[in-house]
C-alpha atoms as a PDB file:
ATOM      1  CA  UNK A   1     -46.004  21.183 -34.555  1.00  0.00           C
ATOM      2  CA  UNK A   2     -43.352  19.840 -32.163  1.00  0.00           C
ATOM      3  CA  UNK A   3     -39.721  20.584 -32.992  1.00  0.00           C
ATOM      4  CA  UNK A   4     -37.248  17.728 -33.508  1.00  0.00           C
ATOM      5  CA  UNK A   5     -33.455  17.975 -33.634  1.00  0.00           C
ATOM      6  CA  UNK A   6     -31.308  15.514 -35.595  1.00  0.00           C
ATOM      7  CA  UNK A   7     -28.059  14.965 -33.697  1.00  0.00           C
ATOM      8  CA  UNK A   8     -25.169  13.950 -35.959  1.00  0.00           C
ATOM      9  CA  UNK A   9     -22.165  12.090 -34.556  1.00  0.00           C
ATOM     10  CA  UNK A  10     -20.540  10.974 -37.829  1.00  0.00           C
ATOM     11  CA  UNK A  11     -17.127  12.383 -38.810  1.00  0.00           C
ATOM     12  CA  UNK A  12     -17.683  11.564 -42.499  1.00  0.00           C
ATOM     13  CA  UNK A  13     -19.543  14.506 -44.052  1.00  0.00           C
ATOM     14  CA  UNK A  14     -21.104  12.598 -46.958  1.00  0.00           C
ATOM     15  CA  UNK A  15     -22.501   9.916 -44.643  1.00  0.00           C
ATOM     16  CA  UNK A  16     -23.690  12.559 -42.171  1.00  0.00           C
ATOM     17  CA  UNK A  17     -25.512  14.558 -44.844  1.00  0.00           C
ATOM     18  CA  UNK A  18     -27.150  11.414 -46.218  1.00  0.00           C
ATOM     19  CA  UNK A  19     -28.251  10.301 -42.751  1.00  0.00           C
ATOM     20  CA  UNK A  20     -29.803  13.707 -42.128  1.00  0.00           C
ATOM     21  CA  UNK A  21     -31.780  13.423 -45.364  1.00  0.00           C
ATOM     22  CA  UNK A  22     -32.918   9.911 -44.419  1.00  0.00           C
ATOM     23  CA  UNK A  23     -34.219  10.989 -41.020  1.00  0.00           C
ATOM     24  CA  UNK A  24     -35.941  14.037 -42.502  1.00  0.00           C
ATOM     25  CA  UNK A  25     -37.678  11.890 -45.125  1.00  0.00           C
ATOM     26  CA  UNK A  26     -38.907   9.199 -42.739  1.00  0.00           C
ATOM     27  CA  UNK A  27     -39.923  11.580 -39.979  1.00  0.00           C
ATOM     28  CA  UNK A  28     -41.901  13.580 -42.518  1.00  0.00           C
ATOM     29  CA  UNK A  29     -39.986  16.723 -41.521  1.00  0.00           C
ATOM     30  CA  UNK A  30     -38.361  18.197 -44.652  1.00  0.00           C
ATOM     31  CA  UNK A  31     -36.760  21.008 -42.622  1.00  0.00           C
ATOM     32  CA  UNK A  32     -35.438  18.801 -39.845  1.00  0.00           C
ATOM     33  CA  UNK A  33     -33.163  20.798 -37.530  1.00  0.00           C
ATOM     34  CA  UNK A  34     -29.573  19.550 -37.228  1.00  0.00           C
ATOM     35  CA  UNK A  35     -26.506  19.778 -35.045  1.00  0.00           C
ATOM     36  CA  UNK A  36     -23.159  18.075 -35.724  1.00  0.00           C
ATOM     37  CA  UNK A  37     -21.647  17.301 -32.345  1.00  0.00           C
ATOM     38  CA  UNK A  38     -18.190  16.775 -33.810  1.00  0.00           C
ATOM     39  CA  UNK A  39     -18.134  20.437 -34.767  1.00  0.00           C
ATOM     40  CA  UNK A  40     -20.412  22.110 -32.228  1.00  0.00           C
ATOM     41  CA  UNK A  41     -21.486  21.317 -28.677  1.00  0.00           C
ATOM     42  CA  UNK A  42     -25.046  21.454 -27.438  1.00  0.00           C
ATOM     43  CA  UNK A  43     -24.222  24.822 -25.941  1.00  0.00           C
ATOM     44  CA  UNK A  44     -24.232  26.351 -29.430  1.00  0.00           C
ATOM     45  CA  UNK A  45     -27.985  25.787 -29.869  1.00  0.00           C
ATOM     46  CA  UNK A  46     -31.016  26.221 -27.658  1.00  0.00           C
ATOM     47  CA  UNK A  47     -31.260  22.445 -27.388  1.00  0.00           C
ATOM     48  CA  UNK A  48     -33.501  22.432 -24.342  1.00  0.00           C
ATOM     49  CA  UNK A  49     -36.236  24.066 -26.452  1.00  0.00           C
ATOM     50  CA  UNK A  50     -36.594  20.991 -28.698  1.00  0.00           C
ATOM     51  CA  UNK A  51     -39.426  18.561 -28.015  1.00  0.00           C
ATOM     52  CA  UNK A  52     -37.676  15.578 -29.590  1.00  0.00           C
ATOM     53  CA  UNK A  53     -34.266  14.270 -30.616  1.00  0.00           C
ATOM     54  CA  UNK A  54     -33.118  11.607 -33.064  1.00  0.00           C
ATOM     55  CA  UNK A  55     -29.501  10.546 -32.702  1.00  0.00           C
ATOM     56  CA  UNK A  56     -27.741   8.997 -35.676  1.00  0.00           C
ATOM     57  CA  UNK A  57     -25.037   6.339 -35.816  1.00  0.00           C
ATOM     58  CA  UNK A  58     -21.267   6.660 -35.787  1.00  0.00           C
ATOM     59  CA  UNK A  59     -18.056   4.684 -36.323  1.00  0.00           C
ATOM     60  CA  UNK A  60     -17.243   5.587 -32.697  1.00  0.00           C
ATOM     61  CA  UNK A  61     -17.597   2.855 -30.081  1.00  0.00           C
ATOM     62  CA  UNK A  62     -18.250   3.276 -26.371  1.00  0.00           C
ATOM     63  CA  UNK A  63     -15.680   0.523 -25.771  1.00  0.00           C
ATOM     64  CA  UNK A  64     -12.907   2.392 -27.626  1.00  0.00           C
ATOM     65  CA  UNK A  65      -9.694   2.541 -25.572  1.00  0.00           C
ATOM     66  CA  UNK A  66      -8.208   5.559 -27.322  1.00  0.00           C
ATOM     67  CA  UNK A  67     -10.985   8.151 -27.153  1.00  0.00           C
ATOM     68  CA  UNK A  68      -9.960  11.659 -28.053  1.00  0.00           C
ATOM     69  CA  UNK A  69     -11.336  14.826 -26.528  1.00  0.00           C
ATOM     70  CA  UNK A  70     -13.935  15.169 -29.287  1.00  0.00           C
ATOM     71  CA  UNK A  71     -15.452  11.737 -28.652  1.00  0.00           C
ATOM     72  CA  UNK A  72     -15.524  12.335 -24.908  1.00  0.00           C
ATOM     73  CA  UNK A  73     -17.382  15.622 -25.444  1.00  0.00           C
ATOM     74  CA  UNK A  74     -19.806  13.929 -27.857  1.00  0.00           C
ATOM     75  CA  UNK A  75     -20.621  11.231 -25.306  1.00  0.00           C
ATOM     76  CA  UNK A  76     -21.109  13.813 -22.574  1.00  0.00           C
ATOM     77  CA  UNK A  77     -23.574  15.742 -24.753  1.00  0.00           C
ATOM     78  CA  UNK A  78     -25.468  12.567 -25.691  1.00  0.00           C
ATOM     79  CA  UNK A  79     -25.805  11.708 -22.019  1.00  0.00           C
ATOM     80  CA  UNK A  80     -27.289  15.147 -21.377  1.00  0.00           C
ATOM     81  CA  UNK A  81     -29.978  14.514 -23.987  1.00  0.00           C
ATOM     82  CA  UNK A  82     -30.667  11.071 -22.542  1.00  0.00           C
ATOM     83  CA  UNK A  83     -30.933  12.493 -19.029  1.00  0.00           C
ATOM     84  CA  UNK A  84     -33.514  15.017 -20.183  1.00  0.00           C
ATOM     85  CA  UNK A  85     -35.565  12.241 -21.803  1.00  0.00           C
ATOM     86  CA  UNK A  86     -35.268  10.139 -18.647  1.00  0.00           C
ATOM     87  CA  UNK A  87     -36.829  13.030 -16.734  1.00  0.00           C
ATOM     88  CA  UNK A  88     -39.692  13.123 -19.232  1.00  0.00           C
ATOM     89  CA  UNK A  89     -38.811  16.626 -20.415  1.00  0.00           C
ATOM     90  CA  UNK A  90     -38.222  15.536 -24.022  1.00  0.00           C
ATOM     91  CA  UNK A  91     -38.477  12.460 -26.249  1.00  0.00           C
ATOM     92  CA  UNK A  92     -35.313  10.918 -27.670  1.00  0.00           C
ATOM     93  CA  UNK A  93     -34.470   8.058 -30.022  1.00  0.00           C
ATOM     94  CA  UNK A  94     -30.834   6.904 -29.920  1.00  0.00           C
ATOM     95  CA  UNK A  95     -29.594   4.572 -32.675  1.00  0.00           C
ATOM     96  CA  UNK A  96     -26.581   2.231 -33.026  1.00  0.00           C
ATOM     97  CA  UNK A  97     -23.631   3.930 -31.257  1.00  0.00           C
ATOM     98  CA  UNK A  98     -26.139   5.821 -29.126  1.00  0.00           C
ATOM     99  CA  UNK A  99     -27.510   2.655 -27.525  1.00  0.00           C
ATOM    100  CA  UNK A 100     -24.040   2.051 -26.125  1.00  0.00           C
ATOM    101  CA  UNK A 101     -23.888   5.534 -24.619  1.00  0.00           C
ATOM    102  CA  UNK A 102     -27.308   5.125 -22.994  1.00  0.00           C
ATOM    103  CA  UNK A 103     -26.579   1.574 -21.793  1.00  0.00           C
ATOM    104  CA  UNK A 104     -23.389   2.682 -20.044  1.00  0.00           C
ATOM    105  CA  UNK A 105     -25.160   5.715 -18.563  1.00  0.00           C
ATOM    106  CA  UNK A 106     -27.799   3.393 -17.056  1.00  0.00           C
ATOM    107  CA  UNK A 107     -25.124   1.206 -15.478  1.00  0.00           C
ATOM    108  CA  UNK A 108     -25.326  -1.554 -18.066  1.00  0.00           C
ATOM    109  CA  UNK A 109     -22.492  -3.369 -19.834  1.00  0.00           C
ATOM    110  CA  UNK A 110     -21.383  -2.662 -23.401  1.00  0.00           C
ATOM    111  CA  UNK A 111     -19.468  -5.585 -24.916  1.00  0.00           C
ATOM    112  CA  UNK A 112     -17.948  -6.813 -28.166  1.00  0.00           C
ATOM    113  CA  UNK A 113     -19.596 -10.241 -27.917  1.00  0.00           C
ATOM    114  CA  UNK A 114     -22.514  -9.723 -30.328  1.00  0.00           C
ATOM    115  CA  UNK A 115     -21.286  -7.941 -33.473  1.00  0.00           C
ATOM    116  CA  UNK A 116     -23.462  -7.899 -36.581  1.00  0.00           C
ATOM    117  CA  UNK A 117     -22.093  -7.338 -40.044  1.00  0.00           C
ATOM    118  CA  UNK A 118     -24.071  -5.465 -42.686  1.00  0.00           C
ATOM    119  CA  UNK A 119     -27.371  -7.289 -43.060  1.00  0.00           C
ATOM    120  CA  UNK A 120     -31.131  -6.987 -43.159  1.00  0.00           C
ATOM    121  CA  UNK A 121     -32.028  -8.758 -39.924  1.00  0.00           C
ATOM    122  CA  UNK A 122     -35.323 -10.072 -38.614  1.00  0.00           C
ATOM    123  CA  UNK A 123     -35.932  -8.952 -35.034  1.00  0.00           C
ATOM    124  CA  UNK A 124     -38.723 -10.148 -32.734  1.00  0.00           C
ATOM    125  CA  UNK A 125     -40.816  -7.803 -30.640  1.00  0.00           C
ATOM    126  CA  UNK A 126     -41.238  -8.680 -26.980  1.00  0.00           C
ATOM    127  CA  UNK A 127     -44.594  -8.543 -25.216  1.00  0.00           C
ATOM    128  CA  UNK A 128     -43.718  -4.991 -24.157  1.00  0.00           C
ATOM    129  CA  UNK A 129     -42.702  -4.144 -27.711  1.00  0.00           C
ATOM    130  CA  UNK A 130     -46.030  -5.325 -29.069  1.00  0.00           C
ATOM    131  CA  UNK A 131     -47.867  -2.757 -26.945  1.00  0.00           C
ATOM    132  CA  UNK A 132     -45.354   0.059 -27.380  1.00  0.00           C
ATOM    133  CA  UNK A 133     -46.455   3.222 -29.193  1.00  0.00           C
ATOM    134  CA  UNK A 134     -43.524   3.151 -31.647  1.00  0.00           C
ATOM    135  CA  UNK A 135     -42.956  -0.577 -32.084  1.00  0.00           C
ATOM    136  CA  UNK A 136     -46.372  -2.150 -31.514  1.00  0.00           C
ATOM    137  CA  UNK A 137     -47.899  -1.623 -34.970  1.00  0.00           C
ATOM    138  CA  UNK A 138     -45.045  -3.676 -36.475  1.00  0.00           C
ATOM    139  CA  UNK A 139     -45.616  -6.713 -34.255  1.00  0.00           C
ATOM    140  CA  UNK A 140     -44.645  -9.498 -34.126  1.00  0.00           C
ATOM    141  CA  UNK A 141     -41.444  -8.998 -36.186  1.00  0.00           C
ATOM    142  CA  UNK A 142     -39.537  -6.373 -38.110  1.00  0.00           C
ATOM    143  CA  UNK A 143     -36.820  -6.386 -40.749  1.00  0.00           C
ATOM    144  CA  UNK A 144     -34.091  -3.810 -40.093  1.00  0.00           C
ATOM    145  CA  UNK A 145     -30.538  -2.975 -41.151  1.00  0.00           C
ATOM    146  CA  UNK A 146     -27.752  -3.724 -38.684  1.00  0.00           C
ATOM    147  CA  UNK A 147     -23.997  -3.123 -38.784  1.00  0.00           C
ATOM    148  CA  UNK A 148     -22.086  -2.746 -35.509  1.00  0.00           C
ATOM    149  CA  UNK A 149     -19.138  -4.021 -33.469  1.00  0.00           C
ATOM    150  CA  UNK A 150     -20.412  -3.539 -29.907  1.00  0.00           C
ATOM    151  CA  UNK A 151     -23.757  -3.933 -28.176  1.00  0.00           C
ATOM    152  CA  UNK A 152     -25.447  -4.087 -24.790  1.00  0.00           C
ATOM    153  CA  UNK A 153     -24.661  -7.342 -23.003  1.00  0.00           C
ATOM    154  CA  UNK A 154     -28.163  -7.397 -21.573  1.00  0.00           C
ATOM    155  CA  UNK A 155     -31.045  -5.000 -21.034  1.00  0.00           C
ATOM    156  CA  UNK A 156     -29.618  -2.306 -18.732  1.00  0.00           C
ATOM    157  CA  UNK A 157     -31.105  -1.490 -15.312  1.00  0.00           C
ATOM    158  CA  UNK A 158     -34.416   0.340 -15.523  1.00  0.00           C
ATOM    159  CA  UNK A 159     -34.970  -0.373 -19.235  1.00  0.00           C
ATOM    160  CA  UNK A 160     -37.726  -2.412 -20.888  1.00  0.00           C
ATOM    161  CA  UNK A 161     -36.646  -4.694 -23.743  1.00  0.00           C
ATOM    162  CA  UNK A 162     -38.742  -4.054 -26.869  1.00  0.00           C
ATOM    163  CA  UNK A 163     -37.014  -6.111 -29.569  1.00  0.00           C
ATOM    164  CA  UNK A 164     -34.568  -8.998 -29.600  1.00  0.00           C
ATOM    165  CA  UNK A 165     -32.631 -11.378 -31.849  1.00  0.00           C
ATOM    166  CA  UNK A 166     -30.873 -14.631 -30.990  1.00  0.00           C
ATOM    167  CA  UNK A 167     -27.306 -13.600 -31.859  1.00  0.00           C
ATOM    168  CA  UNK A 168     -27.661 -10.016 -30.585  1.00  0.00           C
ATOM    169  CA  UNK A 169     -30.322 -10.056 -27.849  1.00  0.00           C
ATOM    170  CA  UNK A 170     -30.691  -6.323 -27.143  1.00  0.00           C
ATOM    171  CA  UNK A 171     -32.051  -4.768 -30.338  1.00  0.00           C
ATOM    172  CA  UNK A 172     -34.198  -2.055 -28.779  1.00  0.00           C
ATOM    173  CA  UNK A 173     -35.392  -0.868 -25.400  1.00  0.00           C
ATOM    174  CA  UNK A 174     -37.312   1.961 -23.759  1.00  0.00           C
ATOM    175  CA  UNK A 175     -36.589   3.696 -20.474  1.00  0.00           C
ATOM    176  CA  UNK A 176     -39.605   5.314 -18.906  1.00  0.00           C
ATOM    177  CA  UNK A 177     -41.942   6.665 -21.570  1.00  0.00           C
ATOM    178  CA  UNK A 178     -39.655   9.041 -23.483  1.00  0.00           C
ATOM    179  CA  UNK A 179     -36.235   7.463 -23.993  1.00  0.00           C
ATOM    180  CA  UNK A 180     -35.718   4.906 -26.768  1.00  0.00           C
ATOM    181  CA  UNK A 181     -32.569   3.175 -27.967  1.00  0.00           C
ATOM    182  CA  UNK A 182     -32.117   0.873 -30.962  1.00  0.00           C
ATOM    183  CA  UNK A 183     -29.110  -1.200 -31.991  1.00  0.00           C
ATOM    184  CA  UNK A 184     -30.289  -1.076 -35.602  1.00  0.00           C
ATOM    185  CA  UNK A 185     -30.628   1.781 -38.083  1.00  0.00           C
ATOM    186  CA  UNK A 186     -34.321   2.662 -38.535  1.00  0.00           C
ATOM    187  CA  UNK A 187     -33.673   5.533 -40.954  1.00  0.00           C
ATOM    188  CA  UNK A 188     -31.860   3.662 -43.715  1.00  0.00           C
ATOM    189  CA  UNK A 189     -33.590   2.548 -46.903  1.00  0.00           C
ATOM    190  CA  UNK A 190     -31.843  -0.131 -49.013  1.00  0.00           C
ATOM    191  CA  UNK A 191     -30.301   2.548 -51.229  1.00  0.00           C
ATOM    192  CA  UNK A 192     -29.272   4.588 -48.174  1.00  0.00           C
ATOM    193  CA  UNK A 193     -27.501   1.608 -46.660  1.00  0.00           C
ATOM    194  CA  UNK A 194     -25.816   0.676 -49.932  1.00  0.00           C
ATOM    195  CA  UNK A 195     -24.516   4.242 -50.237  1.00  0.00           C
ATOM    196  CA  UNK A 196     -23.257   4.112 -46.645  1.00  0.00           C
ATOM    197  CA  UNK A 197     -21.386   0.893 -47.415  1.00  0.00           C
ATOM    198  CA  UNK A 198     -19.228   2.795 -49.890  1.00  0.00           C
ATOM    199  CA  UNK A 199     -18.162   5.263 -47.182  1.00  0.00           C
ATOM    200  CA  UNK A 200     -17.342   2.555 -44.627  1.00  0.00           C
ATOM    201  CA  UNK A 201     -15.934  -0.020 -47.015  1.00  0.00           C
ATOM    202  CA  UNK A 202     -12.723  -0.475 -45.019  1.00  0.00           C
ATOM    203  CA  UNK A 203     -14.185  -0.019 -41.533  1.00  0.00           C
ATOM    204  CA  UNK A 204     -14.780  -3.667 -40.645  1.00  0.00           C
ATOM    205  CA  UNK A 205     -18.563  -3.857 -41.032  1.00  0.00           C
ATOM    206  CA  UNK A 206     -18.338  -6.344 -43.899  1.00  0.00           C
ATOM    207  CA  UNK A 207     -15.704  -8.174 -45.926  1.00  0.00           C
ATOM    208  CA  UNK A 208     -14.520  -5.763 -48.655  1.00  0.00           C
ATOM    209  CA  UNK A 209     -13.882  -8.729 -50.959  1.00  0.00           C
ATOM    210  CA  UNK A 210     -17.637  -9.446 -50.777  1.00  0.00           C
ATOM    211  CA  UNK A 211     -18.668  -5.861 -51.492  1.00  0.00           C
ATOM    212  CA  UNK A 212     -20.690  -6.575 -54.631  1.00  0.00           C
ATOM    213  CA  UNK A 213     -22.597  -9.489 -53.104  1.00  0.00           C
ATOM    214  CA  UNK A 214     -23.277  -7.558 -49.894  1.00  0.00           C
ATOM    215  CA  UNK A 215     -24.516  -4.559 -51.858  1.00  0.00           C
ATOM    216  CA  UNK A 216     -26.887  -6.766 -53.864  1.00  0.00           C
ATOM    217  CA  UNK A 217     -28.242  -8.242 -50.654  1.00  0.00           C
ATOM    218  CA  UNK A 218     -28.820  -4.787 -49.185  1.00  0.00           C
ATOM    219  CA  UNK A 219     -30.506  -3.404 -52.295  1.00  0.00           C
ATOM    220  CA  UNK A 220     -32.864  -6.381 -52.521  1.00  0.00           C
ATOM    221  CA  UNK A 221     -33.934  -6.154 -48.865  1.00  0.00           C
ATOM    222  CA  UNK A 222     -37.261  -4.909 -47.566  1.00  0.00           C
ATOM    223  CA  UNK A 223     -37.039  -3.141 -44.205  1.00  0.00           C
ATOM    224  CA  UNK A 224     -39.552  -1.647 -41.762  1.00  0.00           C
ATOM    225  CA  UNK A 225     -37.529   0.900 -39.804  1.00  0.00           C
ATOM    226  CA  UNK A 226     -39.142   3.876 -41.507  1.00  0.00           C
ATOM    227  CA  UNK A 227     -42.440   2.913 -39.856  1.00  0.00           C
ATOM    228  CA  UNK A 228     -40.992   3.723 -36.439  1.00  0.00           C
ATOM    229  CA  UNK A 229     -39.766   7.128 -37.535  1.00  0.00           C
ATOM    230  CA  UNK A 230     -43.073   7.985 -39.164  1.00  0.00           C
ATOM    231  CA  UNK A 231     -44.734   7.504 -35.757  1.00  0.00           C
ATOM    232  CA  UNK A 232     -42.090   9.415 -33.796  1.00  0.00           C
ATOM    233  CA  UNK A 233     -43.411  12.984 -34.328  1.00  0.00           C
ATOM    234  CA  UNK A 234     -46.829  11.968 -32.944  1.00  0.00           C
ATOM    235  CA  UNK A 235     -45.135  10.501 -29.870  1.00  0.00           C
ATOM    236  CA  UNK A 236     -43.160  13.706 -29.406  1.00  0.00           C
ATOM    237  CA  UNK A 237     -46.387  15.705 -29.529  1.00  0.00           C
ATOM    238  CA  UNK A 238     -48.281  13.472 -27.104  1.00  0.00           C
END
């Protein structure tokens, strides 16, 4: 079986632990390997031996003006993983914050023009998405959880748009055959996302005065992101 590494970039331990459990569940890998880049660099593990990587979300933003040394190191390490996937030497799936890192690395623009508050959003697959190994079986649309402040302004150079949405056009893309990036969170179930809301209640992803109503909306949603993750190990092995 191919080995997959979950790459954590969340400072909040409770949210990080929960995200790890979510990825492990949906990937079907109960003993999913893990590294927390806020506490250890890639140099502390034999990262080049892994066949696949899944990169979680973060309250960090690529557009932040006041990046500390830790965030700069995190972004450098994420770029190293992306570069390896670009070369076809591994398979990587970057989510949320990670799509900004990859977009900038490719020479694209990351902007604050298309924020999405906590929601279960319907995204449309493009023609390329409908034939993609990860996305295709969910064509023509998917329901996914989104919550972010920045996004790619447009599909970056060299990437193929896989999923879109009117008010945030770049929802997912692929570069080559092994590098994927999603603006949304494929790993979160309704309960996962509701639990995450409690951690980030004051972080600007939703109106705190509407917490109860937003939580009800999240818990009543039906989302398809887990389908992508369930197919990821087979892609890694191919």
